[in-house]
Amino acid sequence: MIPGEYVLGEGDIVANAGRRTVELTVANTGDRPIQIGSHFHFFEVNRALKFERAQAFGMRLNVPAGTAVRFEPGDEKRVTLVELAGARRVFGLNALTEGAGREQALARLAAWERRP
């Protein structure tokens, strides 16, 4: 072995194999660009992004780790989301989930959407 050498296995690596995905149309209704990173809980993204938010609960962008999708003002894009792995507990962000289950998070979402 040579220091820094890569020893690769046979075959291709398929990211997120076997996980549920969903496609959504997302529109930036704001006046500033919005960029969403690969592992951000999509349910809790910036409120200027309009889409069927309830379908995004427990999901993130299905893009390579460390990458992002950028929405310019007025942009509308189709994105593919993939289920979070592991314990699927999310904390922080816009405080909609805070580790809660789907029903609690949807109730917080309804209150959040009513705020200006």
PDB file of N, CA and C in Angstrom:
ATOM      1  N   MET A   1       0.844  -1.179   0.000  1.00  0.00           N
ATOM      2  CA  MET A   1       0.000   0.000   0.000  1.00  0.00           C
ATOM      3  C   MET A   1       0.885   1.236   0.000  1.00  0.00           C
ATOM      4  N   ILE A   2       0.484   2.221  -0.754  1.00  0.00           N
ATOM      5  CA  ILE A   2       1.187   3.498  -0.856  1.00  0.00           C
ATOM      6  C   ILE A   2       0.379   4.533  -0.073  1.00  0.00           C
ATOM      7  N   PRO A   3       1.017   5.366   0.760  1.00  0.00           N
ATOM      8  CA  PRO A   3       0.255   6.386   1.497  1.00  0.00           C
ATOM      9  C   PRO A   3      -0.605   7.229   0.554  1.00  0.00           C
ATOM     10  N   GLY A   4      -1.878   7.383   0.888  1.00  0.00           N
ATOM     11  CA  GLY A   4      -2.817   8.151   0.068  1.00  0.00           C
ATOM     12  C   GLY A   4      -3.459   7.364  -1.057  1.00  0.00           C
ATOM     13  N   GLU A   5      -3.046   6.111  -1.207  1.00  0.00           N
ATOM     14  CA  GLU A   5      -3.581   5.275  -2.278  1.00  0.00           C
ATOM     15  C   GLU A   5      -5.029   4.882  -1.968  1.00  0.00           C
ATOM     16  N   TYR A   6      -5.836   4.825  -2.993  1.00  0.00           N
ATOM     17  CA  TYR A   6      -7.213   4.339  -2.872  1.00  0.00           C
ATOM     18  C   TYR A   6      -7.263   2.896  -3.340  1.00  0.00           C
ATOM     19  N   VAL A   7      -7.923   2.043  -2.574  1.00  0.00           N
ATOM     20  CA  VAL A   7      -8.159   0.666  -2.985  1.00  0.00           C
ATOM     21  C   VAL A   7      -9.669   0.531  -3.116  1.00  0.00           C
ATOM     22  N   LEU A   8     -10.131   0.474  -4.341  1.00  0.00           N
ATOM     23  CA  LEU A   8     -11.566   0.475  -4.612  1.00  0.00           C
ATOM     24  C   LEU A   8     -12.106  -0.939  -4.751  1.00  0.00           C
ATOM     25  N   GLY A   9     -13.326  -1.131  -4.276  1.00  0.00           N
ATOM     26  CA  GLY A   9     -14.002  -2.404  -4.426  1.00  0.00           C
ATOM     27  C   GLY A   9     -14.607  -2.531  -5.812  1.00  0.00           C
ATOM     28  N   GLU A  10     -15.153  -3.684  -6.079  1.00  0.00           N
ATOM     29  CA  GLU A  10     -15.799  -3.939  -7.364  1.00  0.00           C
ATOM     30  C   GLU A  10     -17.196  -3.330  -7.389  1.00  0.00           C
ATOM     31  N   GLY A  11     -17.644  -2.927  -8.554  1.00  0.00           N
ATOM     32  CA  GLY A  11     -19.015  -2.458  -8.735  1.00  0.00           C
ATOM     33  C   GLY A  11     -19.218  -0.998  -8.368  1.00  0.00           C
ATOM     34  N   ASP A  12     -20.407  -0.530  -8.661  1.00  0.00           N
ATOM     35  CA  ASP A  12     -20.776   0.856  -8.394  1.00  0.00           C
ATOM     36  C   ASP A  12     -21.403   0.988  -7.018  1.00  0.00           C
ATOM     37  N   ILE A  13     -21.259   2.152  -6.429  1.00  0.00           N
ATOM     38  CA  ILE A  13     -21.931   2.472  -5.174  1.00  0.00           C
ATOM     39  C   ILE A  13     -23.196   3.248  -5.534  1.00  0.00           C
ATOM     40  N   VAL A  14     -24.328   2.801  -5.040  1.00  0.00           N
ATOM     41  CA  VAL A  14     -25.601   3.471  -5.311  1.00  0.00           C
ATOM     42  C   VAL A  14     -26.046   4.165  -4.030  1.00  0.00           C
ATOM     43  N   ALA A  15     -26.074   5.477  -4.060  1.00  0.00           N
ATOM     44  CA  ALA A  15     -26.474   6.250  -2.881  1.00  0.00           C
ATOM     45  C   ALA A  15     -27.974   6.114  -2.645  1.00  0.00           C
ATOM     46  N   ASN A  16     -28.363   5.998  -1.403  1.00  0.00           N
ATOM     47  CA  ASN A  16     -29.767   5.987  -0.974  1.00  0.00           C
ATOM     48  C   ASN A  16     -30.584   4.832  -1.549  1.00  0.00           C
ATOM     49  N   ALA A  17     -29.944   3.750  -1.886  1.00  0.00           N
ATOM     50  CA  ALA A  17     -30.646   2.598  -2.460  1.00  0.00           C
ATOM     51  C   ALA A  17     -31.691   2.073  -1.480  1.00  0.00           C
ATOM     52  N   GLY A  18     -32.884   1.830  -1.984  1.00  0.00           N
ATOM     53  CA  GLY A  18     -33.952   1.243  -1.183  1.00  0.00           C
ATOM     54  C   GLY A  18     -34.730   2.221  -0.324  1.00  0.00           C
ATOM     55  N   ARG A  19     -34.357   3.488  -0.326  1.00  0.00           N
ATOM     56  CA  ARG A  19     -35.093   4.476   0.474  1.00  0.00           C
ATOM     57  C   ARG A  19     -36.213   5.095  -0.350  1.00  0.00           C
ATOM     58  N   ARG A  20     -37.301   5.444   0.356  1.00  0.00           N
ATOM     59  CA  ARG A  20     -38.450   6.076  -0.296  1.00  0.00           C
ATOM     60  C   ARG A  20     -38.059   7.473  -0.789  1.00  0.00           C
ATOM     61  N   THR A  21     -38.527   7.832  -1.978  1.00  0.00           N
ATOM     62  CA  THR A  21     -38.305   9.166  -2.529  1.00  0.00           C
ATOM     63  C   THR A  21     -39.637   9.784  -2.922  1.00  0.00           C
ATOM     64  N   VAL A  22     -39.628  11.097  -3.058  1.00  0.00           N
ATOM     65  CA  VAL A  22     -40.802  11.827  -3.521  1.00  0.00           C
ATOM     66  C   VAL A  22     -40.311  12.993  -4.374  1.00  0.00           C
ATOM     67  N   GLU A  23     -41.056  13.314  -5.442  1.00  0.00           N
ATOM     68  CA  GLU A  23     -40.730  14.469  -6.283  1.00  0.00           C
ATOM     69  C   GLU A  23     -41.714  15.574  -5.986  1.00  0.00           C
ATOM     70  N   LEU A  24     -41.196  16.792  -5.804  1.00  0.00           N
ATOM     71  CA  LEU A  24     -42.038  17.950  -5.522  1.00  0.00           C
ATOM     72  C   LEU A  24     -41.627  19.115  -6.411  1.00  0.00           C
ATOM     73  N   THR A  25     -42.595  19.965  -6.738  1.00  0.00           N
ATOM     74  CA  THR A  25     -42.306  21.224  -7.410  1.00  0.00           C
ATOM     75  C   THR A  25     -42.177  22.288  -6.336  1.00  0.00           C
ATOM     76  N   VAL A  26     -41.067  23.031  -6.375  1.00  0.00           N
ATOM     77  CA  VAL A  26     -40.748  24.026  -5.352  1.00  0.00           C
ATOM     78  C   VAL A  26     -40.554  25.372  -6.035  1.00  0.00           C
ATOM     79  N   ALA A  27     -41.204  26.420  -5.500  1.00  0.00           N
ATOM     80  CA  ALA A  27     -41.098  27.769  -6.061  1.00  0.00           C
ATOM     81  C   ALA A  27     -40.553  28.726  -5.012  1.00  0.00           C
ATOM     82  N   ASN A  28     -39.608  29.568  -5.420  1.00  0.00           N
ATOM     83  CA  ASN A  28     -39.097  30.618  -4.543  1.00  0.00           C
ATOM     84  C   ASN A  28     -39.941  31.869  -4.759  1.00  0.00           C
ATOM     85  N   THR A  29     -40.794  32.182  -3.786  1.00  0.00           N
ATOM     86  CA  THR A  29     -41.666  33.357  -3.877  1.00  0.00           C
ATOM     87  C   THR A  29     -41.024  34.581  -3.232  1.00  0.00           C
ATOM     88  N   GLY A  30     -39.817  34.448  -2.740  1.00  0.00           N
ATOM     89  CA  GLY A  30     -39.127  35.554  -2.076  1.00  0.00           C
ATOM     90  C   GLY A  30     -38.373  36.435  -3.053  1.00  0.00           C
ATOM     91  N   ASP A  31     -37.668  37.420  -2.484  1.00  0.00           N
ATOM     92  CA  ASP A  31     -36.905  38.364  -3.304  1.00  0.00           C
ATOM     93  C   ASP A  31     -35.396  38.141  -3.207  1.00  0.00           C
ATOM     94  N   ARG A  32     -34.998  37.028  -2.593  1.00  0.00           N
ATOM     95  CA  ARG A  32     -33.582  36.686  -2.442  1.00  0.00           C
ATOM     96  C   ARG A  32     -33.355  35.215  -2.813  1.00  0.00           C
ATOM     97  N   PRO A  33     -32.143  34.899  -3.281  1.00  0.00           N
ATOM     98  CA  PRO A  33     -31.838  33.490  -3.556  1.00  0.00           C
ATOM     99  C   PRO A  33     -31.876  32.673  -2.266  1.00  0.00           C
ATOM    100  N   ILE A  34     -32.265  31.413  -2.386  1.00  0.00           N
ATOM    101  CA  ILE A  34     -32.297  30.491  -1.248  1.00  0.00           C
ATOM    102  C   ILE A  34     -31.553  29.234  -1.675  1.00  0.00           C
ATOM    103  N   GLN A  35     -30.588  28.831  -0.857  1.00  0.00           N
ATOM    104  CA  GLN A  35     -29.813  27.627  -1.146  1.00  0.00           C
ATOM    105  C   GLN A  35     -30.040  26.616  -0.036  1.00  0.00           C
ATOM    106  N   ILE A  36     -30.360  25.386  -0.414  1.00  0.00           N
ATOM    107  CA  ILE A  36     -30.649  24.319   0.542  1.00  0.00           C
ATOM    108  C   ILE A  36     -29.581  23.242   0.412  1.00  0.00           C
ATOM    109  N   GLY A  37     -28.935  22.922   1.523  1.00  0.00           N
ATOM    110  CA  GLY A  37     -27.883  21.908   1.535  1.00  0.00           C
ATOM    111  C   GLY A  37     -28.433  20.495   1.486  1.00  0.00           C
ATOM    112  N   SER A  38     -27.566  19.575   1.147  1.00  0.00           N
ATOM    113  CA  SER A  38     -27.943  18.180   0.910  1.00  0.00           C
ATOM    114  C   SER A  38     -28.621  17.488   2.083  1.00  0.00           C
ATOM    115  N   HIS A  39     -28.292  17.846   3.316  1.00  0.00           N
ATOM    116  CA  HIS A  39     -28.828  17.108   4.461  1.00  0.00           C
ATOM    117  C   HIS A  39     -29.775  17.931   5.318  1.00  0.00           C
ATOM    118  N   PHE A  40     -30.272  19.054   4.801  1.00  0.00           N
ATOM    119  CA  PHE A  40     -31.220  19.886   5.546  1.00  0.00           C
ATOM    120  C   PHE A  40     -32.608  19.244   5.473  1.00  0.00           C
ATOM    121  N   HIS A  41     -33.295  19.166   6.604  1.00  0.00           N
ATOM    122  CA  HIS A  41     -34.655  18.610   6.645  1.00  0.00           C
ATOM    123  C   HIS A  41     -35.555  19.511   5.796  1.00  0.00           C
ATOM    124  N   PHE A  42     -35.959  19.032   4.624  1.00  0.00           N
ATOM    125  CA  PHE A  42     -36.638  19.883   3.645  1.00  0.00           C
ATOM    126  C   PHE A  42     -37.958  20.432   4.165  1.00  0.00           C
ATOM    127  N   PHE A  43     -38.608  19.735   5.052  1.00  0.00           N
ATOM    128  CA  PHE A  43     -39.853  20.182   5.684  1.00  0.00           C
ATOM    129  C   PHE A  43     -39.676  21.556   6.330  1.00  0.00           C
ATOM    130  N   GLU A  44     -38.450  21.872   6.782  1.00  0.00           N
ATOM    131  CA  GLU A  44     -38.188  23.090   7.549  1.00  0.00           C
ATOM    132  C   GLU A  44     -37.433  24.171   6.782  1.00  0.00           C
ATOM    133  N   VAL A  45     -37.400  24.088   5.460  1.00  0.00           N
ATOM    134  CA  VAL A  45     -36.678  25.107   4.692  1.00  0.00           C
ATOM    135  C   VAL A  45     -37.390  26.459   4.766  1.00  0.00           C
ATOM    136  N   ASN A  46     -36.727  27.475   4.277  1.00  0.00           N
ATOM    137  CA  ASN A  46     -37.213  28.854   4.259  1.00  0.00           C
ATOM    138  C   ASN A  46     -38.677  28.932   3.821  1.00  0.00           C
ATOM    139  N   ARG A  47     -39.462  29.727   4.552  1.00  0.00           N
ATOM    140  CA  ARG A  47     -40.898  29.822   4.261  1.00  0.00           C
ATOM    141  C   ARG A  47     -41.202  30.457   2.906  1.00  0.00           C
ATOM    142  N   ALA A  48     -40.242  31.138   2.283  1.00  0.00           N
ATOM    143  CA  ALA A  48     -40.462  31.704   0.950  1.00  0.00           C
ATOM    144  C   ALA A  48     -40.502  30.616  -0.125  1.00  0.00           C
ATOM    145  N   LEU A  49     -40.052  29.413   0.212  1.00  0.00           N
ATOM    146  CA  LEU A  49     -40.171  28.290  -0.724  1.00  0.00           C
ATOM    147  C   LEU A  49     -41.550  27.668  -0.546  1.00  0.00           C
ATOM    148  N   LYS A  50     -42.326  27.642  -1.615  1.00  0.00           N
ATOM    149  CA  LYS A  50     -43.691  27.113  -1.580  1.00  0.00           C
ATOM    150  C   LYS A  50     -43.741  25.758  -2.275  1.00  0.00           C
ATOM    151  N   PHE A  51     -44.315  24.781  -1.562  1.00  0.00           N
ATOM    152  CA  PHE A  51     -44.454  23.416  -2.070  1.00  0.00           C
ATOM    153  C   PHE A  51     -45.341  22.660  -1.097  1.00  0.00           C
ATOM    154  N   GLU A  52     -45.649  21.408  -1.396  1.00  0.00           N
ATOM    155  CA  GLU A  52     -46.466  20.580  -0.511  1.00  0.00           C
ATOM    156  C   GLU A  52     -45.593  20.128   0.660  1.00  0.00           C
ATOM    157  N   ARG A  53     -45.474  21.002   1.646  1.00  0.00           N
ATOM    158  CA  ARG A  53     -44.525  20.832   2.749  1.00  0.00           C
ATOM    159  C   ARG A  53     -44.756  19.551   3.546  1.00  0.00           C
ATOM    160  N   ALA A  54     -46.001  19.159   3.755  1.00  0.00           N
ATOM    161  CA  ALA A  54     -46.282  17.951   4.543  1.00  0.00           C
ATOM    162  C   ALA A  54     -45.640  16.715   3.911  1.00  0.00           C
ATOM    163  N   GLN A  55     -45.532  16.696   2.580  1.00  0.00           N
ATOM    164  CA  GLN A  55     -44.903  15.550   1.901  1.00  0.00           C
ATOM    165  C   GLN A  55     -43.402  15.489   2.143  1.00  0.00           C
ATOM    166  N   ALA A  56     -42.816  16.594   2.613  1.00  0.00           N
ATOM    167  CA  ALA A  56     -41.371  16.661   2.820  1.00  0.00           C
ATOM    168  C   ALA A  56     -40.955  16.278   4.236  1.00  0.00           C
ATOM    169  N   PHE A  57     -41.915  15.911   5.089  1.00  0.00           N
ATOM    170  CA  PHE A  57     -41.560  15.553   6.464  1.00  0.00           C
ATOM    171  C   PHE A  57     -40.658  14.318   6.465  1.00  0.00           C
ATOM    172  N   GLY A  58     -39.523  14.412   7.161  1.00  0.00           N
ATOM    173  CA  GLY A  58     -38.586  13.292   7.246  1.00  0.00           C
ATOM    174  C   GLY A  58     -37.777  13.067   5.988  1.00  0.00           C
ATOM    175  N   MET A  59     -37.685  14.097   5.141  1.00  0.00           N
ATOM    176  CA  MET A  59     -37.001  13.958   3.853  1.00  0.00           C
ATOM    177  C   MET A  59     -35.921  15.032   3.703  1.00  0.00           C
ATOM    178  N   ARG A  60     -34.968  14.744   2.829  1.00  0.00           N
ATOM    179  CA  ARG A  60     -33.917  15.699   2.461  1.00  0.00           C
ATOM    180  C   ARG A  60     -33.703  15.599   0.958  1.00  0.00           C
ATOM    181  N   LEU A  61     -32.938  16.529   0.403  1.00  0.00           N
ATOM    182  CA  LEU A  61     -32.654  16.473  -1.024  1.00  0.00           C
ATOM    183  C   LEU A  61     -31.906  15.189  -1.375  1.00  0.00           C
ATOM    184  N   ASN A  62     -32.251  14.608  -2.497  1.00  0.00           N
ATOM    185  CA  ASN A  62     -31.559  13.407  -2.977  1.00  0.00           C
ATOM    186  C   ASN A  62     -30.431  13.844  -3.915  1.00  0.00           C
ATOM    187  N   VAL A  63     -29.428  14.487  -3.326  1.00  0.00           N
ATOM    188  CA  VAL A  63     -28.251  14.963  -4.052  1.00  0.00           C
ATOM    189  C   VAL A  63     -27.016  14.489  -3.288  1.00  0.00           C
ATOM    190  N   PRO A  64     -25.846  14.484  -3.925  1.00  0.00           N
ATOM    191  CA  PRO A  64     -24.638  14.040  -3.219  1.00  0.00           C
ATOM    192  C   PRO A  64     -24.348  14.880  -1.972  1.00  0.00           C
ATOM    193  N   ALA A  65     -23.794  14.240  -0.956  1.00  0.00           N
ATOM    194  CA  ALA A  65     -23.433  14.922   0.290  1.00  0.00           C
ATOM    195  C   ALA A  65     -22.532  16.110  -0.011  1.00  0.00           C
ATOM    196  N   GLY A  66     -22.796  17.208   0.681  1.00  0.00           N
ATOM    197  CA  GLY A  66     -21.979  18.405   0.528  1.00  0.00           C
ATOM    198  C   GLY A  66     -22.397  19.311  -0.606  1.00  0.00           C
ATOM    199  N   THR A  67     -23.402  18.915  -1.374  1.00  0.00           N
ATOM    200  CA  THR A  67     -23.882  19.769  -2.457  1.00  0.00           C
ATOM    201  C   THR A  67     -25.172  20.450  -2.025  1.00  0.00           C
ATOM    202  N   ALA A  68     -25.704  21.307  -2.893  1.00  0.00           N
ATOM    203  CA  ALA A  68     -26.905  22.070  -2.553  1.00  0.00           C
ATOM    204  C   ALA A  68     -27.698  22.363  -3.816  1.00  0.00           C
ATOM    205  N   VAL A  69     -28.928  22.802  -3.620  1.00  0.00           N
ATOM    206  CA  VAL A  69     -29.770  23.280  -4.715  1.00  0.00           C
ATOM    207  C   VAL A  69     -30.100  24.733  -4.409  1.00  0.00           C
ATOM    208  N   ARG A  70     -29.940  25.591  -5.405  1.00  0.00           N
ATOM    209  CA  ARG A  70     -30.168  27.030  -5.245  1.00  0.00           C
ATOM    210  C   ARG A  70     -31.423  27.429  -6.010  1.00  0.00           C
ATOM    211  N   PHE A  71     -32.263  28.217  -5.347  1.00  0.00           N
ATOM    212  CA  PHE A  71     -33.493  28.729  -5.940  1.00  0.00           C
ATOM    213  C   PHE A  71     -33.373  30.245  -6.040  1.00  0.00           C
ATOM    214  N   GLU A  72     -33.267  30.757  -7.245  1.00  0.00           N
ATOM    215  CA  GLU A  72     -33.251  32.210  -7.440  1.00  0.00           C
ATOM    216  C   GLU A  72     -34.676  32.736  -7.271  1.00  0.00           C
ATOM    217  N   PRO A  73     -34.845  34.033  -6.971  1.00  0.00           N
ATOM    218  CA  PRO A  73     -36.201  34.587  -6.848  1.00  0.00           C
ATOM    219  C   PRO A  73     -37.018  34.290  -8.111  1.00  0.00           C
ATOM    220  N   GLY A  74     -38.221  33.769  -7.924  1.00  0.00           N
ATOM    221  CA  GLY A  74     -39.095  33.430  -9.046  1.00  0.00           C
ATOM    222  C   GLY A  74     -38.863  32.051  -9.634  1.00  0.00           C
ATOM    223  N   ASP A  75     -37.785  31.378  -9.260  1.00  0.00           N
ATOM    224  CA  ASP A  75     -37.504  30.025  -9.766  1.00  0.00           C
ATOM    225  C   ASP A  75     -38.565  29.036  -9.311  1.00  0.00           C
ATOM    226  N   GLU A  76     -38.872  28.089 -10.188  1.00  0.00           N
ATOM    227  CA  GLU A  76     -39.708  26.941  -9.837  1.00  0.00           C
ATOM    228  C   GLU A  76     -38.985  25.716 -10.375  1.00  0.00           C
ATOM    229  N   LYS A  77     -38.709  24.749  -9.499  1.00  0.00           N
ATOM    230  CA  LYS A  77     -37.954  23.552  -9.888  1.00  0.00           C
ATOM    231  C   LYS A  77     -38.611  22.305  -9.330  1.00  0.00           C
ATOM    232  N   ARG A  78     -38.402  21.187 -10.037  1.00  0.00           N
ATOM    233  CA  ARG A  78     -38.765  19.866  -9.512  1.00  0.00           C
ATOM    234  C   ARG A  78     -37.545  19.344  -8.769  1.00  0.00           C
ATOM    235  N   VAL A  79     -37.766  18.868  -7.554  1.00  0.00           N
ATOM    236  CA  VAL A  79     -36.676  18.279  -6.775  1.00  0.00           C
ATOM    237  C   VAL A  79     -37.099  16.886  -6.330  1.00  0.00           C
ATOM    238  N   THR A  80     -36.117  16.033  -6.132  1.00  0.00           N
ATOM    239  CA  THR A  80     -36.372  14.707  -5.578  1.00  0.00           C
ATOM    240  C   THR A  80     -35.853  14.696  -4.148  1.00  0.00           C
ATOM    241  N   LEU A  81     -36.711  14.257  -3.241  1.00  0.00           N
ATOM    242  CA  LEU A  81     -36.350  14.136  -1.836  1.00  0.00           C
ATOM    243  C   LEU A  81     -36.234  12.663  -1.483  1.00  0.00           C
ATOM    244  N   VAL A  82     -35.410  12.367  -0.488  1.00  0.00           N
ATOM    245  CA  VAL A  82     -35.202  10.998  -0.024  1.00  0.00           C
ATOM    246  C   VAL A  82     -35.371  10.971   1.491  1.00  0.00           C
ATOM    247  N   GLU A  83     -35.849   9.844   1.999  1.00  0.00           N
ATOM    248  CA  GLU A  83     -36.041   9.681   3.445  1.00  0.00           C
ATOM    249  C   GLU A  83     -34.743   9.876   4.206  1.00  0.00           C
ATOM    250  N   LEU A  84     -34.839  10.498   5.370  1.00  0.00           N
ATOM    251  CA  LEU A  84     -33.704  10.547   6.288  1.00  0.00           C
ATOM    252  C   LEU A  84     -33.439   9.133   6.791  1.00  0.00           C
ATOM    253  N   ALA A  85     -32.206   8.856   7.153  1.00  0.00           N
ATOM    254  CA  ALA A  85     -31.854   7.532   7.682  1.00  0.00           C
ATOM    255  C   ALA A  85     -31.684   7.605   9.194  1.00  0.00           C
ATOM    256  N   GLY A  86     -31.350   6.497   9.787  1.00  0.00           N
ATOM    257  CA  GLY A  86     -31.088   6.447  11.221  1.00  0.00           C
ATOM    258  C   GLY A  86     -32.356   6.614  12.037  1.00  0.00           C
ATOM    259  N   ALA A  87     -32.247   7.300  13.170  1.00  0.00           N
ATOM    260  CA  ALA A  87     -33.390   7.489  14.071  1.00  0.00           C
ATOM    261  C   ALA A  87     -34.408   8.480  13.509  1.00  0.00           C
ATOM    262  N   ARG A  88     -34.023   9.244  12.483  1.00  0.00           N
ATOM    263  CA  ARG A  88     -34.907  10.201  11.798  1.00  0.00           C
ATOM    264  C   ARG A  88     -35.451  11.260  12.759  1.00  0.00           C
ATOM    265  N   ARG A  89     -34.649  11.677  13.721  1.00  0.00           N
ATOM    266  CA  ARG A  89     -35.038  12.737  14.658  1.00  0.00           C
ATOM    267  C   ARG A  89     -34.279  13.998  14.279  1.00  0.00           C
ATOM    268  N   VAL A  90     -35.006  15.098  14.097  1.00  0.00           N
ATOM    269  CA  VAL A  90     -34.420  16.353  13.637  1.00  0.00           C
ATOM    270  C   VAL A  90     -34.614  17.419  14.707  1.00  0.00           C
ATOM    271  N   PHE A  91     -33.563  18.199  14.962  1.00  0.00           N
ATOM    272  CA  PHE A  91     -33.623  19.278  15.952  1.00  0.00           C
ATOM    273  C   PHE A  91     -33.049  20.549  15.341  1.00  0.00           C
ATOM    274  N   GLY A  92     -33.517  21.706  15.843  1.00  0.00           N
ATOM    275  CA  GLY A  92     -32.984  22.981  15.382  1.00  0.00           C
ATOM    276  C   GLY A  92     -33.694  23.448  14.132  1.00  0.00           C
ATOM    277  N   LEU A  93     -32.934  23.980  13.205  1.00  0.00           N
ATOM    278  CA  LEU A  93     -33.453  24.476  11.931  1.00  0.00           C
ATOM    279  C   LEU A  93     -34.516  25.534  12.196  1.00  0.00           C
ATOM    280  N   ASN A  94     -35.768  25.337  11.814  1.00  0.00           N
ATOM    281  CA  ASN A  94     -36.846  26.297  12.096  1.00  0.00           C
ATOM    282  C   ASN A  94     -37.712  25.854  13.267  1.00  0.00           C
ATOM    283  N   ALA A  95     -37.236  24.889  14.034  1.00  0.00           N
ATOM    284  CA  ALA A  95     -37.899  24.404  15.260  1.00  0.00           C
ATOM    285  C   ALA A  95     -39.303  23.866  15.014  1.00  0.00           C
ATOM    286  N   LEU A  96     -39.559  23.354  13.824  1.00  0.00           N
ATOM    287  CA  LEU A  96     -40.871  22.766  13.534  1.00  0.00           C
ATOM    288  C   LEU A  96     -40.946  21.324  14.011  1.00  0.00           C
ATOM    289  N   THR A  97     -39.847  20.631  13.991  1.00  0.00           N
ATOM    290  CA  THR A  97     -39.852  19.214  14.335  1.00  0.00           C
ATOM    291  C   THR A  97     -39.403  18.981  15.762  1.00  0.00           C
ATOM    292  N   GLU A  98     -38.201  19.416  16.103  1.00  0.00           N
ATOM    293  CA  GLU A  98     -37.641  19.243  17.442  1.00  0.00           C
ATOM    294  C   GLU A  98     -37.769  17.803  17.939  1.00  0.00           C
ATOM    295  N   GLY A  99     -37.534  16.851  17.037  1.00  0.00           N
ATOM    296  CA  GLY A  99     -37.577  15.444  17.403  1.00  0.00           C
ATOM    297  C   GLY A  99     -38.973  14.856  17.463  1.00  0.00           C
ATOM    298  N   ALA A 100     -39.990  15.683  17.243  1.00  0.00           N
ATOM    299  CA  ALA A 100     -41.384  15.244  17.366  1.00  0.00           C
ATOM    300  C   ALA A 100     -41.796  14.342  16.209  1.00  0.00           C
ATOM    301  N   GLY A 101     -42.920  13.694  16.401  1.00  0.00           N
ATOM    302  CA  GLY A 101     -43.504  12.892  15.339  1.00  0.00           C
ATOM    303  C   GLY A 101     -44.197  13.770  14.313  1.00  0.00           C
ATOM    304  N   ARG A 102     -44.675  13.148  13.274  1.00  0.00           N
ATOM    305  CA  ARG A 102     -45.288  13.850  12.142  1.00  0.00           C
ATOM    306  C   ARG A 102     -46.458  14.740  12.552  1.00  0.00           C
ATOM    307  N   GLU A 103     -47.385  14.242  13.357  1.00  0.00           N
ATOM    308  CA  GLU A 103     -48.584  15.022  13.702  1.00  0.00           C
ATOM    309  C   GLU A 103     -48.237  16.290  14.477  1.00  0.00           C
ATOM    310  N   GLN A 104     -47.330  16.185  15.447  1.00  0.00           N
ATOM    311  CA  GLN A 104     -46.893  17.371  16.197  1.00  0.00           C
ATOM    312  C   GLN A 104     -46.222  18.372  15.270  1.00  0.00           C
ATOM    313  N   ALA A 105     -45.387  17.883  14.377  1.00  0.00           N
ATOM    314  CA  ALA A 105     -44.680  18.763  13.453  1.00  0.00           C
ATOM    315  C   ALA A 105     -45.655  19.457  12.506  1.00  0.00           C
ATOM    316  N   LEU A 106     -46.683  18.749  12.044  1.00  0.00           N
ATOM    317  CA  LEU A 106     -47.676  19.369  11.159  1.00  0.00           C
ATOM    318  C   LEU A 106     -48.462  20.453  11.892  1.00  0.00           C
ATOM    319  N   ALA A 107     -48.751  20.255  13.173  1.00  0.00           N
ATOM    320  CA  ALA A 107     -49.437  21.283  13.964  1.00  0.00           C
ATOM    321  C   ALA A 107     -48.552  22.519  14.101  1.00  0.00           C
ATOM    322  N   ARG A 108     -47.260  22.326  14.359  1.00  0.00           N
ATOM    323  CA  ARG A 108     -46.330  23.459  14.440  1.00  0.00           C
ATOM    324  C   ARG A 108     -46.227  24.167  13.096  1.00  0.00           C
ATOM    325  N   LEU A 109     -46.245  23.386  12.017  1.00  0.00           N
ATOM    326  CA  LEU A 109     -46.187  23.962  10.676  1.00  0.00           C
ATOM    327  C   LEU A 109     -47.377  24.877  10.432  1.00  0.00           C
ATOM    328  N   ALA A 110     -48.572  24.446  10.798  1.00  0.00           N
ATOM    329  CA  ALA A 110     -49.773  25.266  10.590  1.00  0.00           C
ATOM    330  C   ALA A 110     -49.634  26.608  11.306  1.00  0.00           C
ATOM    331  N   ALA A 111     -49.139  26.599  12.538  1.00  0.00           N
ATOM    332  CA  ALA A 111     -48.941  27.844  13.286  1.00  0.00           C
ATOM    333  C   ALA A 111     -47.847  28.696  12.643  1.00  0.00           C
ATOM    334  N   TRP A 112     -46.786  28.073  12.192  1.00  0.00           N
ATOM    335  CA  TRP A 112     -45.653  28.769  11.570  1.00  0.00           C
ATOM    336  C   TRP A 112     -46.089  29.459  10.281  1.00  0.00           C
ATOM    337  N   GLU A 113     -46.933  28.788   9.488  1.00  0.00           N
ATOM    338  CA  GLU A 113     -47.385  29.364   8.219  1.00  0.00           C
ATOM    339  C   GLU A 113     -48.327  30.545   8.423  1.00  0.00           C
ATOM    340  N   ARG A 114     -48.985  30.623   9.577  1.00  0.00           N
ATOM    341  CA  ARG A 114     -49.878  31.757   9.856  1.00  0.00           C
ATOM    342  C   ARG A 114     -49.110  33.016  10.247  1.00  0.00           C
ATOM    343  N   ARG A 115     -47.872  32.849  10.709  1.00  0.00           N
ATOM    344  CA  ARG A 115     -47.063  34.009  11.110  1.00  0.00           C
ATOM    345  C   ARG A 115     -46.608  34.777   9.881  1.00  0.00           C
ATOM    346  N   PRO A 116     -46.465  36.107  10.031  1.00  0.00           N
ATOM    347  CA  PRO A 116     -45.993  36.921   8.882  1.00  0.00           C
ATOM    348  C   PRO A 116     -44.547  36.658   8.547  1.00  0.00           C
TER     349      PRO A 116
END
